């Protein structure tokens, strides 16, 4: 299992229908296989995520956030890790809104 505790991730890309902007940072806290993070950004006033980490370091995630329009939005995400040659982690994410239009998207995050 990958230990994400204390690691900071930044978005490299996100689908147009997503609210995460490329200037955001996610600092992960992990205890056992439970991972959490609180985040803010240009389009997000406040967000929280919670995930279970599997034996290969994959994340099964749920998130909720308040966007800059004052709406609460929610979603699910599945993140698959890649260990880069420099030892850092890149996360390939497939996500879907569970509120609003229920659309899907893709994101890539990388460890700082």
N, C-alpha and C. Protein backbone atom coordinates (compact mmCIF):
# COMPACT_ATOMS: atom_id res chain seq x y z
N UNK A 1 0.84 -1.19 0.00
CA UNK A 1 0.00 0.00 0.00
C UNK A 1 0.88 1.25 0.00
N UNK A 2 0.51 2.22 -0.79
CA UNK A 2 1.21 3.51 -0.81
C UNK A 2 0.76 4.32 0.40
N UNK A 3 1.70 4.99 1.07
CA UNK A 3 1.36 5.89 2.16
C UNK A 3 1.35 7.32 1.62
N UNK A 4 0.18 7.94 1.57
CA UNK A 4 0.01 9.29 1.04
C UNK A 4 0.13 10.36 2.12
N UNK A 5 0.31 9.97 3.38
CA UNK A 5 0.25 10.91 4.49
C UNK A 5 1.28 12.04 4.32
N UNK A 6 0.79 13.28 4.37
CA UNK A 6 1.65 14.45 4.27
C UNK A 6 2.04 14.84 2.86
N UNK A 7 1.67 14.05 1.87
CA UNK A 7 2.02 14.36 0.48
C UNK A 7 1.08 15.41 -0.08
N UNK A 8 1.62 16.30 -0.92
CA UNK A 8 0.84 17.36 -1.55
C UNK A 8 0.77 17.08 -3.04
N UNK A 9 -0.45 17.16 -3.59
CA UNK A 9 -0.67 16.91 -5.01
C UNK A 9 -1.24 18.16 -5.67
N UNK A 10 -0.82 18.39 -6.92
CA UNK A 10 -1.33 19.51 -7.71
C UNK A 10 -1.91 18.95 -9.00
N UNK A 11 -2.98 19.55 -9.49
CA UNK A 11 -3.58 19.10 -10.75
C UNK A 11 -2.71 19.47 -11.95
N UNK A 12 -2.55 18.53 -12.87
CA UNK A 12 -1.89 18.80 -14.15
C UNK A 12 -2.92 19.03 -15.24
N UNK A 13 -4.10 18.39 -15.11
CA UNK A 13 -5.18 18.56 -16.08
C UNK A 13 -6.50 18.18 -15.43
N UNK A 14 -7.58 18.70 -16.02
CA UNK A 14 -8.93 18.36 -15.56
C UNK A 14 -9.89 18.58 -16.71
N UNK A 15 -10.93 17.78 -16.78
CA UNK A 15 -11.97 17.94 -17.79
C UNK A 15 -12.67 19.29 -17.61
N UNK A 16 -13.22 19.81 -18.70
CA UNK A 16 -13.87 21.12 -18.67
C UNK A 16 -15.04 21.20 -17.70
N UNK A 17 -15.73 20.09 -17.48
CA UNK A 17 -16.89 20.08 -16.59
C UNK A 17 -16.52 19.95 -15.11
N UNK A 18 -15.23 19.95 -14.81
CA UNK A 18 -14.77 19.88 -13.43
C UNK A 18 -14.63 21.25 -12.81
N UNK A 19 -14.55 21.30 -11.48
CA UNK A 19 -14.40 22.57 -10.76
C UNK A 19 -12.99 22.76 -10.21
N UNK A 20 -12.16 21.74 -10.26
CA UNK A 20 -10.78 21.84 -9.78
C UNK A 20 -9.97 22.67 -10.78
N UNK A 21 -9.25 23.67 -10.26
CA UNK A 21 -8.40 24.49 -11.12
C UNK A 21 -6.93 24.08 -10.93
N UNK A 22 -6.11 24.42 -11.90
CA UNK A 22 -4.73 23.95 -11.91
C UNK A 22 -3.85 24.62 -10.85
N UNK A 23 -4.37 25.62 -10.14
CA UNK A 23 -3.61 26.27 -9.08
C UNK A 23 -3.85 25.68 -7.70
N UNK A 24 -4.70 24.68 -7.61
CA UNK A 24 -5.05 24.08 -6.31
C UNK A 24 -3.97 23.14 -5.80
N UNK A 25 -4.00 22.92 -4.50
CA UNK A 25 -3.14 21.92 -3.87
C UNK A 25 -3.99 21.06 -2.94
N UNK A 26 -3.71 19.77 -2.95
CA UNK A 26 -4.38 18.82 -2.07
C UNK A 26 -3.32 18.23 -1.15
N UNK A 27 -3.42 18.47 0.15
CA UNK A 27 -2.52 17.83 1.11
C UNK A 27 -3.28 16.67 1.74
N UNK A 28 -2.74 15.48 1.56
CA UNK A 28 -3.40 14.27 2.02
C UNK A 28 -2.94 13.91 3.43
N UNK A 29 -3.90 13.45 4.25
CA UNK A 29 -3.62 12.84 5.54
C UNK A 29 -4.10 11.40 5.45
N UNK A 30 -3.31 10.49 5.97
CA UNK A 30 -3.67 9.07 5.90
C UNK A 30 -3.38 8.39 7.22
N UNK A 31 -4.35 7.60 7.68
CA UNK A 31 -4.19 6.72 8.84
C UNK A 31 -4.69 5.36 8.41
N UNK A 32 -3.79 4.37 8.42
CA UNK A 32 -4.16 3.05 7.91
C UNK A 32 -4.52 3.18 6.45
N UNK A 33 -5.70 2.71 6.07
CA UNK A 33 -6.12 2.83 4.67
C UNK A 33 -7.14 3.96 4.46
N UNK A 34 -7.29 4.85 5.46
CA UNK A 34 -8.22 5.97 5.39
C UNK A 34 -7.47 7.25 5.04
N UNK A 35 -7.89 7.91 3.96
CA UNK A 35 -7.25 9.13 3.48
C UNK A 35 -8.26 10.26 3.47
N UNK A 36 -7.83 11.46 3.88
CA UNK A 36 -8.69 12.64 3.85
C UNK A 36 -7.92 13.84 3.34
N UNK A 37 -8.65 14.87 2.91
CA UNK A 37 -8.05 16.14 2.51
C UNK A 37 -9.12 17.22 2.55
N UNK A 38 -8.68 18.44 2.88
CA UNK A 38 -9.51 19.63 2.77
C UNK A 38 -8.84 20.52 1.73
N UNK A 39 -9.63 21.19 0.88
CA UNK A 39 -9.04 21.95 -0.22
C UNK A 39 -9.87 23.18 -0.56
N UNK A 40 -9.22 24.17 -1.16
CA UNK A 40 -9.86 25.39 -1.66
C UNK A 40 -9.24 25.72 -3.01
N UNK A 41 -9.91 26.55 -3.79
CA UNK A 41 -9.37 26.94 -5.09
C UNK A 41 -10.14 28.12 -5.65
N UNK A 42 -9.80 28.52 -6.86
CA UNK A 42 -10.44 29.66 -7.51
C UNK A 42 -11.94 29.41 -7.68
N UNK A 43 -12.34 28.16 -7.94
CA UNK A 43 -13.75 27.83 -8.17
C UNK A 43 -14.39 27.13 -6.98
N UNK A 44 -13.60 26.83 -5.95
CA UNK A 44 -14.10 26.07 -4.81
C UNK A 44 -13.79 26.83 -3.51
N UNK A 45 -14.86 27.21 -2.80
CA UNK A 45 -14.67 27.93 -1.53
C UNK A 45 -14.14 26.99 -0.45
N UNK A 46 -14.64 25.76 -0.43
CA UNK A 46 -14.17 24.76 0.53
C UNK A 46 -14.61 23.39 0.06
N UNK A 47 -13.71 22.43 0.13
CA UNK A 47 -14.04 21.06 -0.23
C UNK A 47 -13.38 20.08 0.71
N UNK A 48 -13.98 18.90 0.80
CA UNK A 48 -13.43 17.79 1.60
C UNK A 48 -13.51 16.53 0.76
N UNK A 49 -12.52 15.68 0.93
CA UNK A 49 -12.59 14.37 0.32
C UNK A 49 -12.21 13.31 1.34
N UNK A 50 -12.75 12.13 1.13
CA UNK A 50 -12.44 10.97 1.95
C UNK A 50 -12.28 9.80 1.01
N UNK A 51 -11.28 8.96 1.27
CA UNK A 51 -11.00 7.84 0.38
C UNK A 51 -10.49 6.65 1.17
N UNK A 52 -10.68 5.48 0.57
CA UNK A 52 -10.04 4.27 1.05
C UNK A 52 -8.91 3.95 0.09
N UNK A 53 -7.76 3.60 0.65
CA UNK A 53 -6.58 3.25 -0.14
C UNK A 53 -6.51 1.74 -0.23
N UNK A 54 -6.43 1.21 -1.48
CA UNK A 54 -6.34 -0.24 -1.63
C UNK A 54 -4.87 -0.70 -1.59
N UNK A 55 -4.67 -2.01 -1.70
CA UNK A 55 -3.32 -2.58 -1.56
C UNK A 55 -2.36 -2.14 -2.65
N UNK A 56 -2.86 -1.65 -3.78
CA UNK A 56 -2.00 -1.15 -4.86
C UNK A 56 -1.87 0.37 -4.85
N UNK A 57 -2.44 1.02 -3.83
CA UNK A 57 -2.37 2.47 -3.73
C UNK A 57 -3.49 3.20 -4.44
N UNK A 58 -4.44 2.47 -5.01
CA UNK A 58 -5.59 3.10 -5.65
C UNK A 58 -6.50 3.74 -4.62
N UNK A 59 -7.18 4.80 -5.02
CA UNK A 59 -8.07 5.53 -4.12
C UNK A 59 -9.51 5.41 -4.58
N UNK A 60 -10.39 5.00 -3.68
CA UNK A 60 -11.83 4.98 -3.90
C UNK A 60 -12.37 6.15 -3.09
N UNK A 61 -12.76 7.24 -3.76
CA UNK A 61 -12.95 8.53 -3.13
C UNK A 61 -14.38 9.05 -3.28
N UNK A 62 -14.80 9.82 -2.26
CA UNK A 62 -16.03 10.61 -2.31
C UNK A 62 -15.64 12.03 -1.93
N UNK A 63 -16.29 13.01 -2.56
CA UNK A 63 -15.98 14.39 -2.23
C UNK A 63 -17.25 15.24 -2.23
N UNK A 64 -17.17 16.32 -1.45
CA UNK A 64 -18.22 17.34 -1.46
C UNK A 64 -17.54 18.69 -1.32
N UNK A 65 -18.15 19.70 -1.93
CA UNK A 65 -17.52 21.01 -1.93
C UNK A 65 -18.58 22.09 -2.15
N UNK A 66 -18.23 23.33 -1.75
CA UNK A 66 -19.06 24.49 -2.04
C UNK A 66 -18.31 25.30 -3.08
N UNK A 67 -18.95 25.51 -4.24
CA UNK A 67 -18.27 26.23 -5.32
C UNK A 67 -18.45 27.74 -5.18
N UNK A 68 -17.85 28.49 -6.10
CA UNK A 68 -17.88 29.95 -6.03
C UNK A 68 -19.26 30.54 -6.31
N UNK A 69 -20.20 29.71 -6.74
CA UNK A 69 -21.59 30.14 -6.95
C UNK A 69 -22.47 29.84 -5.73
N UNK A 70 -21.85 29.30 -4.67
CA UNK A 70 -22.57 28.98 -3.45
C UNK A 70 -23.34 27.68 -3.51
N UNK A 71 -23.00 26.81 -4.46
CA UNK A 71 -23.68 25.52 -4.61
C UNK A 71 -22.86 24.41 -3.95
N UNK A 72 -23.55 23.48 -3.32
CA UNK A 72 -22.88 22.27 -2.81
C UNK A 72 -22.87 21.26 -3.95
N UNK A 73 -21.68 20.77 -4.30
CA UNK A 73 -21.56 19.75 -5.33
C UNK A 73 -20.87 18.53 -4.74
N UNK A 74 -21.22 17.35 -5.25
CA UNK A 74 -20.70 16.09 -4.72
C UNK A 74 -20.28 15.19 -5.86
N UNK A 75 -19.37 14.26 -5.55
CA UNK A 75 -18.94 13.34 -6.59
C UNK A 75 -18.19 12.15 -6.04
N UNK A 76 -17.89 11.25 -6.97
CA UNK A 76 -17.08 10.06 -6.69
C UNK A 76 -15.89 10.07 -7.63
N UNK A 77 -14.81 9.44 -7.18
CA UNK A 77 -13.58 9.42 -7.98
C UNK A 77 -12.82 8.14 -7.71
N UNK A 78 -12.20 7.63 -8.74
CA UNK A 78 -11.30 6.48 -8.63
C UNK A 78 -9.94 6.93 -9.15
N UNK A 79 -8.92 6.90 -8.29
CA UNK A 79 -7.58 7.33 -8.66
C UNK A 79 -6.64 6.13 -8.74
N UNK A 80 -5.88 6.08 -9.83
CA UNK A 80 -4.91 5.01 -10.05
C UNK A 80 -3.51 5.62 -10.04
N UNK A 81 -2.62 5.15 -9.16
CA UNK A 81 -1.29 5.75 -9.05
C UNK A 81 -0.29 5.19 -10.05
N UNK A 82 0.66 6.04 -10.42
CA UNK A 82 1.85 5.64 -11.17
C UNK A 82 3.04 6.21 -10.41
N UNK A 83 4.03 5.38 -10.13
CA UNK A 83 5.26 5.85 -9.50
C UNK A 83 6.20 6.30 -10.61
N UNK A 84 6.57 7.58 -10.59
CA UNK A 84 7.43 8.15 -11.63
C UNK A 84 8.90 7.80 -11.37
N UNK A 85 9.76 7.95 -12.38
CA UNK A 85 11.19 7.63 -12.20
C UNK A 85 11.84 8.39 -11.03
N UNK A 86 11.34 9.59 -10.72
CA UNK A 86 11.90 10.36 -9.61
C UNK A 86 11.32 9.97 -8.25
N UNK A 87 10.45 8.94 -8.23
CA UNK A 87 9.86 8.46 -6.99
C UNK A 87 8.56 9.15 -6.60
N UNK A 88 8.23 10.21 -7.30
CA UNK A 88 6.97 10.92 -7.03
C UNK A 88 5.79 10.11 -7.59
N UNK A 89 4.58 10.46 -7.14
CA UNK A 89 3.38 9.75 -7.53
C UNK A 89 2.55 10.62 -8.48
N UNK A 90 2.07 10.02 -9.55
CA UNK A 90 1.10 10.66 -10.45
C UNK A 90 -0.20 9.88 -10.31
N UNK A 91 -1.31 10.59 -10.17
CA UNK A 91 -2.63 9.97 -10.02
C UNK A 91 -3.47 10.23 -11.26
N UNK A 92 -3.97 9.17 -11.85
CA UNK A 92 -4.89 9.24 -12.99
C UNK A 92 -6.29 9.04 -12.42
N UNK A 93 -7.14 10.04 -12.59
CA UNK A 93 -8.44 10.02 -11.93
C UNK A 93 -9.60 9.96 -12.92
N UNK A 94 -10.55 9.12 -12.62
CA UNK A 94 -11.83 9.03 -13.33
C UNK A 94 -12.88 9.43 -12.30
N UNK A 95 -13.64 10.48 -12.59
CA UNK A 95 -14.60 10.97 -11.62
C UNK A 95 -15.97 11.18 -12.26
N UNK A 96 -16.97 11.30 -11.38
CA UNK A 96 -18.33 11.57 -11.83
C UNK A 96 -19.04 12.40 -10.77
N UNK A 97 -19.77 13.40 -11.24
CA UNK A 97 -20.63 14.16 -10.34
C UNK A 97 -21.78 13.27 -9.86
N UNK A 98 -22.10 13.36 -8.57
CA UNK A 98 -23.30 12.71 -8.04
C UNK A 98 -24.37 13.75 -7.74
N UNK A 99 -24.11 14.98 -8.16
CA UNK A 99 -25.07 16.08 -8.09
C UNK A 99 -25.05 16.78 -9.45
N UNK A 100 -26.00 17.66 -9.66
CA UNK A 100 -26.02 18.41 -10.92
C UNK A 100 -26.29 17.52 -12.11
N UNK A 101 -25.44 17.65 -13.15
CA UNK A 101 -25.70 16.94 -14.41
C UNK A 101 -25.21 15.49 -14.44
N UNK A 102 -24.57 15.02 -13.38
CA UNK A 102 -24.07 13.64 -13.26
C UNK A 102 -23.03 13.29 -14.33
N UNK A 103 -22.39 14.30 -14.92
CA UNK A 103 -21.40 14.06 -15.96
C UNK A 103 -20.11 13.47 -15.38
N UNK A 104 -19.28 12.93 -16.27
CA UNK A 104 -18.02 12.29 -15.90
C UNK A 104 -16.84 13.09 -16.43
N UNK A 105 -15.66 12.83 -15.86
CA UNK A 105 -14.46 13.50 -16.33
C UNK A 105 -13.21 12.77 -15.92
N UNK A 106 -12.08 13.34 -16.32
CA UNK A 106 -10.75 12.79 -16.04
C UNK A 106 -9.85 13.90 -15.52
N UNK A 107 -9.01 13.56 -14.57
CA UNK A 107 -8.02 14.48 -14.04
C UNK A 107 -6.69 13.75 -13.88
N UNK A 108 -5.62 14.51 -13.87
CA UNK A 108 -4.30 13.99 -13.53
C UNK A 108 -3.73 14.90 -12.45
N UNK A 109 -3.29 14.29 -11.36
CA UNK A 109 -2.63 15.01 -10.28
C UNK A 109 -1.22 14.46 -10.12
N UNK A 110 -0.31 15.33 -9.65
CA UNK A 110 1.07 14.87 -9.44
C UNK A 110 1.59 15.40 -8.11
N UNK A 111 2.35 14.57 -7.44
CA UNK A 111 2.94 14.94 -6.16
C UNK A 111 4.00 16.03 -6.35
N UNK A 112 3.96 17.03 -5.46
CA UNK A 112 4.99 18.07 -5.46
C UNK A 112 6.29 17.52 -4.94
